[in-house]
Structures are given as C-alpha cells and as structure tokens.
PDB file of all heavy atoms in Angstrom:
ATOM      1  N   PHE A   1      51.536 -29.616 -54.874  1.00  0.00           N
ATOM      2  CA  PHE A   1      50.118 -29.276 -55.003  1.00  0.00           C
ATOM      3  C   PHE A   1      49.418 -29.451 -53.657  1.00  0.00           C
ATOM      4  O   PHE A   1      49.751 -30.348 -52.888  1.00  0.00           O
ATOM      5  CB  PHE A   1      49.456 -30.159 -56.063  1.00  0.00           C
ATOM      6  CG  PHE A   1      50.042 -29.994 -57.444  1.00  0.00           C
ATOM      7  CD1 PHE A   1      51.063 -30.820 -57.883  1.00  0.00           C
ATOM      8  CD2 PHE A   1      49.591 -28.991 -58.290  1.00  0.00           C
ATOM      9  CE1 PHE A   1      51.623 -30.669 -59.147  1.00  0.00           C
ATOM     10  CE2 PHE A   1      50.133 -28.833 -59.562  1.00  0.00           C
ATOM     11  CZ  PHE A   1      51.153 -29.668 -59.994  1.00  0.00           C
ATOM     12  N   TYR A   2      48.432 -28.603 -53.421  1.00  0.00           N
ATOM     13  CA  TYR A   2      47.733 -28.583 -52.135  1.00  0.00           C
ATOM     14  C   TYR A   2      46.247 -28.907 -52.292  1.00  0.00           C
ATOM     15  O   TYR A   2      45.410 -28.380 -51.571  1.00  0.00           O
ATOM     16  CB  TYR A   2      47.908 -27.206 -51.480  1.00  0.00           C
ATOM     17  CG  TYR A   2      49.350 -26.843 -51.240  1.00  0.00           C
ATOM     18  CD1 TYR A   2      50.096 -26.211 -52.228  1.00  0.00           C
ATOM     19  CD2 TYR A   2      49.981 -27.157 -50.042  1.00  0.00           C
ATOM     20  CE1 TYR A   2      51.432 -25.889 -52.016  1.00  0.00           C
ATOM     21  CE2 TYR A   2      51.310 -26.837 -49.821  1.00  0.00           C
ATOM     22  CZ  TYR A   2      52.026 -26.205 -50.823  1.00  0.00           C
ATOM     23  OH  TYR A   2      53.345 -25.895 -50.613  1.00  0.00           O
ATOM     24  N   ASP A   3      45.941 -29.796 -53.211  1.00  0.00           N
ATOM     25  CA  ASP A   3      44.548 -30.110 -53.523  1.00  0.00           C
ATOM     26  C   ASP A   3      44.153 -31.518 -53.084  1.00  0.00           C
ATOM     27  O   ASP A   3      43.318 -32.166 -53.695  1.00  0.00           O
ATOM     28  CB  ASP A   3      44.310 -29.960 -55.031  1.00  0.00           C
ATOM     29  CG  ASP A   3      45.259 -30.834 -55.861  1.00  0.00           C
ATOM     30  OD1 ASP A   3      46.154 -31.466 -55.270  1.00  0.00           O
ATOM     31  OD2 ASP A   3      45.103 -30.873 -57.103  1.00  0.00           O
ATOM     32  N   VAL A   4      44.770 -31.979 -52.008  1.00  0.00           N
ATOM     33  CA  VAL A   4      44.559 -33.360 -51.556  1.00  0.00           C
ATOM     34  C   VAL A   4      43.359 -33.431 -50.601  1.00  0.00           C
ATOM     35  O   VAL A   4      43.333 -32.727 -49.590  1.00  0.00           O
ATOM     36  CB  VAL A   4      45.820 -33.885 -50.837  1.00  0.00           C
ATOM     37  CG1 VAL A   4      45.625 -35.323 -50.398  1.00  0.00           C
ATOM     38  CG2 VAL A   4      47.036 -33.754 -51.740  1.00  0.00           C
ATOM     39  N   PRO A   5      42.354 -34.269 -50.879  1.00  0.00           N
ATOM     40  CA  PRO A   5      41.227 -34.433 -49.952  1.00  0.00           C
ATOM     41  C   PRO A   5      41.718 -34.971 -48.612  1.00  0.00           C
ATOM     42  O   PRO A   5      42.563 -35.872 -48.563  1.00  0.00           O
ATOM     43  CB  PRO A   5      40.332 -35.460 -50.664  1.00  0.00           C
ATOM     44  CG  PRO A   5      40.714 -35.363 -52.108  1.00  0.00           C
ATOM     45  CD  PRO A   5      42.173 -35.050 -52.116  1.00  0.00           C
ATOM     46  N   VAL A   6      41.182 -34.416 -47.514  1.00  0.00           N
ATOM     47  CA  VAL A   6      41.626 -34.816 -46.188  1.00  0.00           C
ATOM     48  C   VAL A   6      40.463 -35.269 -45.311  1.00  0.00           C
ATOM     49  O   VAL A   6      39.296 -34.968 -45.580  1.00  0.00           O
ATOM     50  CB  VAL A   6      42.363 -33.662 -45.466  1.00  0.00           C
ATOM     51  CG1 VAL A   6      43.626 -33.289 -46.199  1.00  0.00           C
ATOM     52  CG2 VAL A   6      41.465 -32.453 -45.316  1.00  0.00           C
ATOM     53  N   MET A   7      40.812 -35.993 -44.268  1.00  0.00           N
ATOM     54  CA  MET A   7      39.847 -36.439 -43.279  1.00  0.00           C
ATOM     55  C   MET A   7      39.510 -35.282 -42.336  1.00  0.00           C
ATOM     56  O   MET A   7      40.389 -34.517 -41.947  1.00  0.00           O
ATOM     57  CB  MET A   7      40.435 -37.601 -42.481  1.00  0.00           C
ATOM     58  CG  MET A   7      39.503 -38.189 -41.430  1.00  0.00           C
ATOM     59  SD  MET A   7      38.214 -39.234 -42.132  1.00  0.00           S
ATOM     60  CE  MET A   7      39.192 -40.671 -42.618  1.00  0.00           C
ATOM     61  N   LYS A   8      38.238 -35.161 -41.977  1.00  0.00           N
ATOM     62  CA  LYS A   8      37.826 -34.169 -40.990  1.00  0.00           C
ATOM     63  C   LYS A   8      37.939 -34.778 -39.594  1.00  0.00           C
ATOM     64  O   LYS A   8      37.730 -35.982 -39.411  1.00  0.00           O
ATOM     65  CB  LYS A   8      36.387 -33.715 -41.246  1.00  0.00           C
ATOM     66  CG  LYS A   8      36.160 -33.117 -42.635  1.00  0.00           C
ATOM     67  CD  LYS A   8      36.974 -31.865 -42.843  1.00  0.00           C
ATOM     68  CE  LYS A   8      36.685 -31.221 -44.193  1.00  0.00           C
ATOM     69  NZ  LYS A   8      37.534 -30.047 -44.454  1.00  0.00           N
ATOM     70  N   SER A   9      38.250 -33.942 -38.625  1.00  0.00           N
ATOM     71  CA  SER A   9      38.444 -34.440 -37.262  1.00  0.00           C
ATOM     72  C   SER A   9      37.207 -35.171 -36.742  1.00  0.00           C
ATOM     73  O   SER A   9      37.321 -36.213 -36.078  1.00  0.00           O
ATOM     74  CB  SER A   9      38.811 -33.291 -36.322  1.00  0.00           C
ATOM     75  OG  SER A   9      37.803 -32.302 -36.304  1.00  0.00           O
ATOM     76  N   ALA A  10      36.018 -34.657 -37.042  1.00  0.00           N
ATOM     77  CA  ALA A  10      34.782 -35.257 -36.524  1.00  0.00           C
ATOM     78  C   ALA A  10      34.463 -36.597 -37.172  1.00  0.00           C
ATOM     79  O   ALA A  10      33.628 -37.356 -36.650  1.00  0.00           O
ATOM     80  CB  ALA A  10      33.616 -34.288 -36.732  1.00  0.00           C
ATOM     81  N   ASP A  11      35.127 -36.906 -38.297  1.00  0.00           N
ATOM     82  CA  ASP A  11      34.866 -38.180 -38.986  1.00  0.00           C
ATOM     83  C   ASP A  11      35.785 -39.302 -38.511  1.00  0.00           C
ATOM     84  O   ASP A  11      35.552 -40.473 -38.845  1.00  0.00           O
ATOM     85  CB  ASP A  11      35.046 -37.993 -40.497  1.00  0.00           C
ATOM     86  CG  ASP A  11      34.021 -37.045 -41.098  1.00  0.00           C
ATOM     87  OD1 ASP A  11      32.918 -36.934 -40.522  1.00  0.00           O
ATOM     88  OD2 ASP A  11      34.334 -36.411 -42.128  1.00  0.00           O
ATOM     89  N   LEU A  12      36.799 -38.969 -37.755  1.00  0.00           N
ATOM     90  CA  LEU A  12      37.785 -39.974 -37.345  1.00  0.00           C
ATOM     91  C   LEU A  12      37.217 -41.076 -36.441  1.00  0.00           C
ATOM     92  O   LEU A  12      37.544 -42.249 -36.635  1.00  0.00           O
ATOM     93  CB  LEU A  12      38.978 -39.288 -36.662  1.00  0.00           C
ATOM     94  CG  LEU A  12      39.906 -38.529 -37.608  1.00  0.00           C
ATOM     95  CD1 LEU A  12      40.830 -37.598 -36.830  1.00  0.00           C
ATOM     96  CD2 LEU A  12      40.733 -39.507 -38.447  1.00  0.00           C
ATOM     97  N   PRO A  13      36.374 -40.752 -35.426  1.00  0.00           N
ATOM     98  CA  PRO A  13      35.868 -41.829 -34.563  1.00  0.00           C
ATOM     99  C   PRO A  13      35.093 -42.894 -35.323  1.00  0.00           C
ATOM    100  O   PRO A  13      35.257 -44.094 -35.055  1.00  0.00           O
ATOM    101  CB  PRO A  13      34.968 -41.081 -33.573  1.00  0.00           C
ATOM    102  CG  PRO A  13      35.545 -39.709 -33.512  1.00  0.00           C
ATOM    103  CD  PRO A  13      35.986 -39.423 -34.914  1.00  0.00           C
ATOM    104  N   GLU A  14      34.268 -42.495 -36.278  1.00  0.00           N
ATOM    105  CA  GLU A  14      33.501 -43.469 -37.055  1.00  0.00           C
ATOM    106  C   GLU A  14      34.420 -44.246 -37.991  1.00  0.00           C
ATOM    107  O   GLU A  14      34.285 -45.464 -38.151  1.00  0.00           O
ATOM    108  CB  GLU A  14      32.419 -42.752 -37.856  1.00  0.00           C
ATOM    109  CG  GLU A  14      31.602 -43.653 -38.771  1.00  0.00           C
ATOM    110  CD  GLU A  14      30.784 -44.704 -38.034  1.00  0.00           C
ATOM    111  OE1 GLU A  14      30.498 -44.517 -36.823  1.00  0.00           O
ATOM    112  OE2 GLU A  14      30.436 -45.732 -38.658  1.00  0.00           O
ATOM    113  N   PHE A  15      35.371 -43.559 -38.613  1.00  0.00           N
ATOM    114  CA  PHE A  15      36.266 -44.210 -39.566  1.00  0.00           C
ATOM    115  C   PHE A  15      37.096 -45.301 -38.890  1.00  0.00           C
ATOM    116  O   PHE A  15      37.315 -46.375 -39.462  1.00  0.00           O
ATOM    117  CB  PHE A  15      37.184 -43.163 -40.197  1.00  0.00           C
ATOM    118  CG  PHE A  15      38.038 -43.685 -41.312  1.00  0.00           C
ATOM    119  CD1 PHE A  15      37.534 -43.779 -42.601  1.00  0.00           C
ATOM    120  CD2 PHE A  15      39.344 -44.095 -41.077  1.00  0.00           C
ATOM    121  CE1 PHE A  15      38.320 -44.269 -43.642  1.00  0.00           C
ATOM    122  CE2 PHE A  15      40.135 -44.585 -42.107  1.00  0.00           C
ATOM    123  CZ  PHE A  15      39.621 -44.676 -43.399  1.00  0.00           C
ATOM    124  N   TYR A  16      37.539 -45.028 -37.667  1.00  0.00           N
ATOM    125  CA  TYR A  16      38.378 -45.990 -36.945  1.00  0.00           C
ATOM    126  C   TYR A  16      37.619 -46.679 -35.807  1.00  0.00           C
ATOM    127  O   TYR A  16      38.233 -47.127 -34.835  1.00  0.00           O
ATOM    128  CB  TYR A  16      39.617 -45.284 -36.386  1.00  0.00           C
ATOM    129  CG  TYR A  16      40.650 -44.945 -37.451  1.00  0.00           C
ATOM    130  CD1 TYR A  16      40.909 -43.621 -37.802  1.00  0.00           C
ATOM    131  CD2 TYR A  16      41.352 -45.949 -38.106  1.00  0.00           C
ATOM    132  CE1 TYR A  16      41.857 -43.305 -38.774  1.00  0.00           C
ATOM    133  CE2 TYR A  16      42.298 -45.647 -39.078  1.00  0.00           C
ATOM    134  CZ  TYR A  16      42.545 -44.329 -39.417  1.00  0.00           C
ATOM    135  OH  TYR A  16      43.477 -44.026 -40.381  1.00  0.00           O
ATOM    136  N   LYS A  17      36.316 -46.787 -35.941  1.00  0.00           N
ATOM    137  CA  LYS A  17      35.501 -47.323 -34.845  1.00  0.00           C
ATOM    138  C   LYS A  17      35.885 -48.748 -34.464  1.00  0.00           C
ATOM    139  O   LYS A  17      35.735 -49.150 -33.307  1.00  0.00           O
ATOM    140  CB  LYS A  17      34.022 -47.262 -35.203  1.00  0.00           C
ATOM    141  CG  LYS A  17      33.607 -48.179 -36.354  1.00  0.00           C
ATOM    142  CD  LYS A  17      32.112 -48.092 -36.620  1.00  0.00           C
ATOM    143  CE  LYS A  17      31.715 -49.036 -37.754  1.00  0.00           C
ATOM    144  NZ  LYS A  17      30.251 -48.953 -38.019  1.00  0.00           N
ATOM    145  N   ASP A  18      36.377 -49.527 -35.428  1.00  0.00           N
ATOM    146  CA  ASP A  18      36.724 -50.924 -35.138  1.00  0.00           C
ATOM    147  C   ASP A  18      38.053 -51.064 -34.413  1.00  0.00           C
ATOM    148  O   ASP A  18      38.461 -52.182 -34.082  1.00  0.00           O
ATOM    149  CB  ASP A  18      36.762 -51.732 -36.439  1.00  0.00           C
ATOM    150  CG  ASP A  18      35.384 -51.877 -37.067  1.00  0.00           C
ATOM    151  OD1 ASP A  18      34.393 -51.861 -36.313  1.00  0.00           O
ATOM    152  OD2 ASP A  18      35.312 -51.992 -38.307  1.00  0.00           O
ATOM    153  N   PHE A  19      38.698 -49.958 -34.149  1.00  0.00           N
ATOM    154  CA  PHE A  19      40.007 -49.989 -33.507  1.00  0.00           C
ATOM    155  C   PHE A  19      39.987 -49.163 -32.218  1.00  0.00           C
ATOM    156  O   PHE A  19      40.832 -48.307 -31.989  1.00  0.00           O
ATOM    157  CB  PHE A  19      41.073 -49.495 -34.484  1.00  0.00           C
ATOM    158  CG  PHE A  19      41.060 -50.261 -35.768  1.00  0.00           C
ATOM    159  CD1 PHE A  19      40.397 -49.753 -36.886  1.00  0.00           C
ATOM    160  CD2 PHE A  19      41.623 -51.523 -35.845  1.00  0.00           C
ATOM    161  CE1 PHE A  19      40.340 -50.479 -38.059  1.00  0.00           C
ATOM    162  CE2 PHE A  19      41.577 -52.262 -37.014  1.00  0.00           C
ATOM    163  CZ  PHE A  19      40.927 -51.745 -38.130  1.00  0.00           C
ATOM    164  N   GLY A  20      38.981 -49.435 -31.400  1.00  0.00           N
ATOM    165  CA  GLY A  20      38.868 -48.801 -30.101  1.00  0.00           C
ATOM    166  C   GLY A  20      37.499 -48.269 -29.756  1.00  0.00           C
ATOM    167  O   GLY A  20      36.880 -48.724 -28.785  1.00  0.00           O
ATOM    168  N   PRO A  21      36.972 -47.317 -30.525  1.00  0.00           N
ATOM    169  CA  PRO A  21      35.677 -46.730 -30.166  1.00  0.00           C
ATOM    170  C   PRO A  21      34.555 -47.747 -30.017  1.00  0.00           C
ATOM    171  O   PRO A  21      33.747 -47.645 -29.086  1.00  0.00           O
ATOM    172  CB  PRO A  21      35.413 -45.764 -31.330  1.00  0.00           C
ATOM    173  CG  PRO A  21      36.779 -45.327 -31.750  1.00  0.00           C
ATOM    174  CD  PRO A  21      37.630 -46.559 -31.609  1.00  0.00           C
ATOM    175  N   ALA A  22      34.482 -48.745 -30.888  1.00  0.00           N
ATOM    176  CA  ALA A  22      33.405 -49.741 -30.810  1.00  0.00           C
ATOM    177  C   ALA A  22      33.575 -50.687 -29.636  1.00  0.00           C
ATOM    178  O   ALA A  22      32.609 -51.323 -29.200  1.00  0.00           O
ATOM    179  CB  ALA A  22      33.331 -50.536 -32.114  1.00  0.00           C
ATOM    180  N   GLN A  23      34.802 -50.784 -29.102  1.00  0.00           N
ATOM    181  CA  GLN A  23      35.067 -51.683 -27.980  1.00  0.00           C
ATOM    182  C   GLN A  23      35.106 -50.936 -26.647  1.00  0.00           C
ATOM    183  O   GLN A  23      35.385 -51.521 -25.603  1.00  0.00           O
ATOM    184  CB  GLN A  23      36.411 -52.386 -28.193  1.00  0.00           C
ATOM    185  CG  GLN A  23      36.477 -53.318 -29.395  1.00  0.00           C
ATOM    186  CD  GLN A  23      36.655 -52.588 -30.705  1.00  0.00           C
ATOM    187  OE1 GLN A  23      37.320 -51.565 -30.770  1.00  0.00           O
ATOM    188  NE2 GLN A  23      36.041 -53.101 -31.764  1.00  0.00           N
ATOM    189  N   ALA A  24      34.824 -49.649 -26.671  1.00  0.00           N
ATOM    190  CA  ALA A  24      34.990 -48.813 -25.488  1.00  0.00           C
ATOM    191  C   ALA A  24      33.992 -49.147 -24.391  1.00  0.00           C
ATOM    192  O   ALA A  24      32.818 -49.402 -24.647  1.00  0.00           O
ATOM    193  CB  ALA A  24      34.853 -47.337 -25.871  1.00  0.00           C
ATOM    194  N   ALA A  25      34.489 -49.101 -23.148  1.00  0.00           N
ATOM    195  CA  ALA A  25      33.610 -49.243 -21.991  1.00  0.00           C
ATOM    196  C   ALA A  25      32.907 -47.921 -21.703  1.00  0.00           C
ATOM    197  O   ALA A  25      31.793 -47.892 -21.173  1.00  0.00           O
ATOM    198  CB  ALA A  25      34.404 -49.688 -20.770  1.00  0.00           C
ATOM    199  N   ASP A  26      33.561 -46.822 -22.054  1.00  0.00           N
ATOM    200  CA  ASP A  26      32.988 -45.486 -21.902  1.00  0.00           C
ATOM    201  C   ASP A  26      33.739 -44.568 -22.862  1.00  0.00           C
ATOM    202  O   ASP A  26      34.881 -44.846 -23.238  1.00  0.00           O
ATOM    203  CB  ASP A  26      33.131 -44.990 -20.464  1.00  0.00           C
ATOM    204  CG  ASP A  26      32.164 -43.843 -20.147  1.00  0.00           C
ATOM    205  OD1 ASP A  26      31.474 -43.381 -21.078  1.00  0.00           O
ATOM    206  OD2 ASP A  26      32.116 -43.416 -18.982  1.00  0.00           O
ATOM    207  N   SER A  27      33.114 -43.473 -23.281  1.00  0.00           N
ATOM    208  CA  SER A  27      33.758 -42.583 -24.245  1.00  0.00           C
ATOM    209  C   SER A  27      33.293 -41.148 -24.055  1.00  0.00           C
ATOM    210  O   SER A  27      32.281 -40.872 -23.391  1.00  0.00           O
ATOM    211  CB  SER A  27      33.477 -43.042 -25.678  1.00  0.00           C
ATOM    212  OG  SER A  27      32.087 -42.992 -25.960  1.00  0.00           O
ATOM    213  N   PHE A  28      34.057 -40.250 -24.664  1.00  0.00           N
ATOM    214  CA  PHE A  28      33.764 -38.810 -24.590  1.00  0.00           C
ATOM    215  C   PHE A  28      34.110 -38.194 -25.935  1.00  0.00           C
ATOM    216  O   PHE A  28      35.215 -38.405 -26.448  1.00  0.00           O
ATOM    217  CB  PHE A  28      34.603 -38.159 -23.483  1.00  0.00           C
ATOM    218  CG  PHE A  28      34.444 -36.663 -23.382  1.00  0.00           C
ATOM    219  CD1 PHE A  28      33.440 -36.118 -22.595  1.00  0.00           C
ATOM    220  CD2 PHE A  28      35.292 -35.806 -24.082  1.00  0.00           C
ATOM    221  CE1 PHE A  28      33.289 -34.743 -22.495  1.00  0.00           C
ATOM    222  CE2 PHE A  28      35.152 -34.432 -23.982  1.00  0.00           C
ATOM    223  CZ  PHE A  28      34.139 -33.893 -23.192  1.00  0.00           C
ATOM    224  N   ILE A  29      33.199 -37.445 -26.517  1.00  0.00           N
ATOM    225  CA  ILE A  29      33.438 -36.764 -27.782  1.00  0.00           C
ATOM    226  C   ILE A  29      33.888 -35.340 -27.482  1.00  0.00           C
ATOM    227  O   ILE A  29      33.212 -34.592 -26.784  1.00  0.00           O
ATOM    228  CB  ILE A  29      32.185 -36.752 -28.672  1.00  0.00           C
ATOM    229  CG1 ILE A  29      31.738 -38.186 -28.986  1.00  0.00           C
ATOM    230  CG2 ILE A  29      32.452 -35.983 -29.964  1.00  0.00           C
ATOM    231  CD1 ILE A  29      32.771 -38.999 -29.754  1.00  0.00           C
ATOM    232  N   THR A  30      35.028 -34.963 -28.036  1.00  0.00           N
ATOM    233  CA  THR A  30      35.605 -33.647 -27.786  1.00  0.00           C
ATOM    234  C   THR A  30      34.891 -32.568 -28.592  1.00  0.00           C
ATOM    235  O   THR A  30      34.063 -32.858 -29.456  1.00  0.00           O
ATOM    236  CB  THR A  30      37.101 -33.631 -28.135  1.00  0.00           C
ATOM    237  OG1 THR A  30      37.240 -33.693 -29.568  1.00  0.00           O
ATOM    238  CG2 THR A  30      37.830 -34.801 -27.509  1.00  0.00           C
ATOM    239  N   ASP A  31      35.287 -31.326 -28.360  1.00  0.00           N
ATOM    240  CA  ASP A  31      34.684 -30.191 -29.059  1.00  0.00           C
ATOM    241  C   ASP A  31      34.938 -30.224 -30.562  1.00  0.00           C
ATOM    242  O   ASP A  31      34.188 -29.619 -31.332  1.00  0.00           O
ATOM    243  CB  ASP A  31      35.221 -28.877 -28.493  1.00  0.00           C
ATOM    244  CG  ASP A  31      34.704 -28.585 -27.094  1.00  0.00           C
ATOM    245  OD1 ASP A  31      33.822 -29.346 -26.623  1.00  0.00           O
ATOM    246  OD2 ASP A  31      35.173 -27.624 -26.465  1.00  0.00           O
ATOM    247  N   ILE A  32      36.003 -30.898 -30.996  1.00  0.00           N
ATOM    248  CA  ILE A  32      36.292 -30.971 -32.435  1.00  0.00           C
ATOM    249  C   ILE A  32      35.843 -32.310 -33.028  1.00  0.00           C
ATOM    250  O   ILE A  32      36.164 -32.622 -34.176  1.00  0.00           O
ATOM    251  CB  ILE A  32      37.786 -30.743 -32.720  1.00  0.00           C
ATOM    252  CG1 ILE A  32      38.661 -31.790 -32.026  1.00  0.00           C
ATOM    253  CG2 ILE A  32      38.205 -29.348 -32.304  1.00  0.00           C
ATOM    254  CD1 ILE A  32      40.125 -31.728 -32.446  1.00  0.00           C
ATOM    255  N   GLY A  33      35.109 -33.096 -32.235  1.00  0.00           N
ATOM    256  CA  GLY A  33      34.529 -34.327 -32.743  1.00  0.00           C
ATOM    257  C   GLY A  33      35.381 -35.558 -32.635  1.00  0.00           C
ATOM    258  O   GLY A  33      34.985 -36.642 -33.073  1.00  0.00           O
ATOM    259  N   THR A  34      36.579 -35.434 -32.068  1.00  0.00           N
ATOM    260  CA  THR A  34      37.425 -36.611 -31.858  1.00  0.00           C
ATOM    261  C   THR A  34      36.976 -37.325 -30.580  1.00  0.00           C
ATOM    262  O   THR A  34      36.132 -36.830 -29.845  1.00  0.00           O
ATOM    263  CB  THR A  34      38.901 -36.213 -31.766  1.00  0.00           C
ATOM    264  OG1 THR A  34      39.051 -35.183 -30.775  1.00  0.00           O
ATOM    265  CG2 THR A  34      39.403 -35.694 -33.104  1.00  0.00           C
ATOM    266  N   ILE A  35      37.557 -38.479 -30.315  1.00  0.00           N
ATOM    267  CA  ILE A  35      37.046 -39.310 -29.217  1.00  0.00           C
ATOM    268  C   ILE A  35      38.132 -39.674 -28.213  1.00  0.00           C
ATOM    269  O   ILE A  35      39.286 -39.936 -28.569  1.00  0.00           O
ATOM    270  CB  ILE A  35      36.394 -40.596 -29.784  1.00  0.00           C
ATOM    271  CG1 ILE A  35      35.636 -41.364 -28.683  1.00  0.00           C
ATOM    272  CG2 ILE A  35      37.429 -41.487 -30.465  1.00  0.00           C
ATOM    273  CD1 ILE A  35      34.774 -42.501 -29.217  1.00  0.00           C
ATOM    274  N   CYS A  36      37.751 -39.632 -26.941  1.00  0.00           N
ATOM    275  CA  CYS A  36      38.517 -40.237 -25.853  1.00  0.00           C
ATOM    276  C   CYS A  36      37.705 -41.443 -25.389  1.00  0.00           C
ATOM    277  O   CYS A  36      36.479 -41.393 -25.376  1.00  0.00           O
ATOM    278  CB  CYS A  36      38.688 -39.269 -24.683  1.00  0.00           C
ATOM    279  SG  CYS A  36      39.532 -37.726 -25.086  1.00  0.00           S
ATOM    280  N   TYR A  37      38.366 -42.513 -25.000  1.00  0.00           N
ATOM    281  CA  TYR A  37      37.614 -43.684 -24.562  1.00  0.00           C
ATOM    282  C   TYR A  37      38.451 -44.534 -23.610  1.00  0.00           C
ATOM    283  O   TYR A  37      39.676 -44.419 -23.552  1.00  0.00           O
ATOM    284  CB  TYR A  37      37.146 -44.518 -25.752  1.00  0.00           C
ATOM    285  CG  TYR A  37      38.256 -45.120 -26.587  1.00  0.00           C
ATOM    286  CD1 TYR A  37      38.729 -46.415 -26.346  1.00  0.00           C
ATOM    287  CD2 TYR A  37      38.824 -44.405 -27.641  1.00  0.00           C
ATOM    288  CE1 TYR A  37      39.724 -46.971 -27.116  1.00  0.00           C
ATOM    289  CE2 TYR A  37      39.832 -44.953 -28.413  1.00  0.00           C
ATOM    290  CZ  TYR A  37      40.277 -46.236 -28.154  1.00  0.00           C
ATOM    291  OH  TYR A  37      41.273 -46.794 -28.925  1.00  0.00           O
ATOM    292  N   THR A  38      37.749 -45.369 -22.861  1.00  0.00           N
ATOM    293  CA  THR A  38      38.384 -46.329 -21.973  1.00  0.00           C
ATOM    294  C   THR A  38      38.121 -47.733 -22.498  1.00  0.00           C
ATOM    295  O   THR A  38      36.981 -48.063 -22.864  1.00  0.00           O
ATOM    296  CB  THR A  38      37.822 -46.227 -20.546  1.00  0.00           C
ATOM    297  OG1 THR A  38      37.998 -44.902 -20.064  1.00  0.00           O
ATOM    298  CG2 THR A  38      38.533 -47.196 -19.615  1.00  0.00           C
ATOM    299  N   VAL A  39      39.155 -48.539 -22.562  1.00  0.00           N
ATOM    300  CA  VAL A  39      38.993 -49.928 -22.970  1.00  0.00           C
ATOM    301  C   VAL A  39      39.434 -50.831 -21.824  1.00  0.00           C
ATOM    302  O   VAL A  39      40.476 -50.602 -21.195  1.00  0.00           O
ATOM    303  CB  VAL A  39      39.783 -50.235 -24.259  1.00  0.00           C
ATOM    304  CG1 VAL A  39      41.263 -50.003 -24.080  1.00  0.00           C
ATOM    305  CG2 VAL A  39      39.529 -51.660 -24.727  1.00  0.00           C
ATOM    306  N   ASN A  40      38.618 -51.818 -21.509  1.00  0.00           N
ATOM    307  CA  ASN A  40      38.921 -52.787 -20.452  1.00  0.00           C
ATOM    308  C   ASN A  40      39.570 -54.017 -21.088  1.00  0.00           C
ATOM    309  O   ASN A  40      38.900 -54.803 -21.755  1.00  0.00           O
ATOM    310  CB  ASN A  40      37.650 -53.183 -19.709  1.00  0.00           C
ATOM    311  CG  ASN A  40      37.005 -52.009 -18.996  1.00  0.00           C
ATOM    312  OD1 ASN A  40      37.637 -50.988 -18.764  1.00  0.00           O
ATOM    313  ND2 ASN A  40      35.736 -52.147 -18.654  1.00  0.00           N
ATOM    314  N   LEU A  41      40.864 -54.176 -20.877  1.00  0.00           N
ATOM    315  CA  LEU A  41      41.552 -55.337 -21.428  1.00  0.00           C
ATOM    316  C   LEU A  41      41.266 -56.590 -20.609  1.00  0.00           C
ATOM    317  O   LEU A  41      41.340 -57.710 -21.120  1.00  0.00           O
ATOM    318  CB  LEU A  41      43.055 -55.077 -21.479  1.00  0.00           C
ATOM    319  CG  LEU A  41      43.503 -53.921 -22.389  1.00  0.00           C
ATOM    320  CD1 LEU A  41      45.026 -53.795 -22.363  1.00  0.00           C
ATOM    321  CD2 LEU A  41      43.021 -54.111 -23.814  1.00  0.00           C
ATOM    322  N   SER A  42      40.985 -56.382 -19.328  1.00  0.00           N
ATOM    323  CA  SER A  42      40.613 -57.471 -18.431  1.00  0.00           C
ATOM    324  C   SER A  42      39.930 -56.843 -17.225  1.00  0.00           C
ATOM    325  O   SER A  42      39.739 -55.627 -17.172  1.00  0.00           O
ATOM    326  CB  SER A  42      41.852 -58.263 -17.988  1.00  0.00           C
ATOM    327  OG  SER A  42      42.635 -57.484 -17.097  1.00  0.00           O
ATOM    328  N   ASP A  43      39.575 -57.671 -16.244  1.00  0.00           N
ATOM    329  CA  ASP A  43      38.979 -57.130 -15.022  1.00  0.00           C
ATOM    330  C   ASP A  43      39.957 -56.239 -14.269  1.00  0.00           C
ATOM    331  O   ASP A  43      39.542 -55.359 -13.505  1.00  0.00           O
ATOM    332  CB  ASP A  43      38.534 -58.278 -14.096  1.00  0.00           C
ATOM    333  CG  ASP A  43      37.361 -59.045 -14.670  1.00  0.00           C
ATOM    334  OD1 ASP A  43      36.664 -58.487 -15.547  1.00  0.00           O
ATOM    335  OD2 ASP A  43      37.145 -60.198 -14.253  1.00  0.00           O
TER     336      ASP A  43
END
C-alpha cells in the first residue's frame, strides 16, 4: 500500500531542531526548505 503519511522536506529542520539546527553557529535554508548549518564543537 502507498498511503503512508510522509514528512515534507521543509518540515525537517524544525522536526530535528534539537539535533543540530538549534545549536548552529550559522545556517542556510535551501530551496526545498532543508537546512545546512555550521556547529562549533570547540574554539
């Protein structure tokens, strides 16, 4: 069956915000709503 609800690409950054996006030093939202980001683990 092909009736399974799926995640939209633009919803992924908010859904997984606690695993990178919220800790980002800087970020970029792509044309499809996904996110690139930089995380500083140390100086």
